[in-house]
Amino acid sequence: MSALMHATMSAWNRDETGAYSAEMNGWTLKVRWRAESPTERRGFWWEADRPGTHLASPEIHEEIEVAMAHAEEFAAPGYAHRKAETD
């Protein structure tokens, strides 16, 4: 999937916690790392916030750029799946 999806790298900034964040179309996006544990695999996930709404990625991505691209896709105007996810 990484060959098909690419993040807008210039939009993302690393914060003091090591997470990456971006502001897009009224959403605050964050990508975070999760270390491997006995019950969970390692990887990156994204979160999207705006007043009254907080959503997290339903999947873990091996590559940070893929997680960022999925977050950007979610925040894009007209994203078809957002309405169902925010209801």
Protein backbone atom coordinates (compact mmCIF):
# COMPACT_ATOMS: atom_id res chain seq x y z
CA MET A 1 0.00 0.00 0.00
CA SER A 2 2.87 2.40 0.61
CA ALA A 3 3.55 2.52 -3.12
CA LEU A 4 0.08 3.97 -3.67
CA MET A 5 -0.32 6.39 -0.75
CA HIS A 6 2.00 9.27 0.04
CA ALA A 7 1.67 11.88 2.75
CA THR A 8 2.16 15.60 2.32
CA MET A 9 5.35 15.49 4.37
CA SER A 10 5.75 19.28 4.53
CA ALA A 11 2.42 19.52 6.40
CA TRP A 12 3.59 17.38 9.33
CA ASN A 13 5.59 18.60 12.33
CA ARG A 14 7.23 16.55 15.07
CA ASP A 15 6.18 17.59 18.57
CA GLU A 16 7.91 17.23 21.94
CA THR A 17 6.37 13.79 22.55
CA GLY A 18 7.78 12.35 19.32
CA ALA A 19 4.38 12.27 17.60
CA TYR A 20 3.80 14.02 14.29
CA SER A 21 0.91 16.43 13.87
CA ALA A 22 -0.75 18.44 11.12
CA GLU A 23 -3.76 20.76 10.79
CA MET A 24 -5.95 20.05 7.76
CA ASN A 25 -9.46 21.14 6.86
CA GLY A 26 -10.47 21.84 10.46
CA TRP A 27 -8.97 18.61 11.81
CA THR A 28 -5.94 18.20 14.07
CA LEU A 29 -4.18 15.05 12.93
CA LYS A 30 -1.58 13.11 14.91
CA VAL A 31 0.47 10.05 14.05
CA ARG A 32 1.97 8.08 16.93
CA TRP A 33 4.22 5.06 17.35
CA ARG A 34 3.26 2.01 19.37
CA ALA A 35 5.96 -0.42 20.47
CA GLU A 36 5.39 -4.13 20.14
CA SER A 37 4.00 -5.96 23.15
CA PRO A 38 3.02 -9.57 23.79
CA THR A 39 -0.56 -8.75 22.75
CA GLU A 40 -0.14 -5.96 20.16
CA ARG A 41 1.99 -5.49 17.10
CA ARG A 42 4.21 -2.45 16.68
CA GLY A 43 3.48 0.33 14.24
CA PHE A 44 1.97 3.73 13.62
CA TRP A 45 -1.62 4.84 14.04
CA TRP A 46 -3.35 8.15 13.46
CA GLU A 47 -5.84 10.21 15.43
CA ALA A 48 -8.13 12.97 14.18
CA ASP A 49 -9.62 15.63 16.45
CA ARG A 50 -11.88 18.62 16.10
CA PRO A 51 -14.23 20.16 18.66
CA GLY A 52 -16.57 17.45 19.88
CA THR A 53 -15.02 14.63 17.83
CA HIS A 54 -12.06 12.30 18.43
CA LEU A 55 -11.31 9.36 16.15
CA ALA A 56 -8.43 6.90 15.99
CA SER A 57 -7.19 4.73 13.16
CA PRO A 58 -8.80 1.29 13.12
CA GLU A 59 -5.50 -0.26 11.99
CA ILE A 60 -1.78 -0.13 12.68
CA HIS A 61 0.58 0.73 9.81
CA GLU A 62 4.17 -0.41 9.47
CA GLU A 63 5.24 2.82 7.77
CA ILE A 64 4.71 6.30 9.17
CA GLU A 65 4.09 7.75 5.72
CA VAL A 66 1.18 5.35 5.17
CA ALA A 67 -0.39 6.31 8.52
CA MET A 68 0.00 9.99 7.60
CA ALA A 69 -1.56 9.43 4.18
CA HIS A 70 -4.57 7.66 5.72
CA ALA A 71 -5.03 10.52 8.19
CA GLU A 72 -4.87 13.06 5.36
CA GLU A 73 -7.39 11.04 3.37
CA PHE A 74 -9.76 11.06 6.34
CA ALA A 75 -9.47 14.87 6.71
CA ALA A 76 -9.90 15.53 2.98
CA PRO A 77 -13.05 17.41 1.95
CA GLY A 78 -15.77 15.00 0.87
CA TYR A 79 -14.24 11.87 2.41
CA ALA A 80 -17.14 9.44 2.00
CA HIS A 81 -16.53 7.26 5.08
CA ARG A 82 -16.20 10.14 7.58
CA LYS A 83 -19.94 10.66 8.06
CA ALA A 84 -20.46 7.05 9.15
CA GLU A 85 -17.41 7.19 11.43
CA THR A 86 -18.46 10.42 13.16
CA ASP A 87 -22.16 9.54 13.67
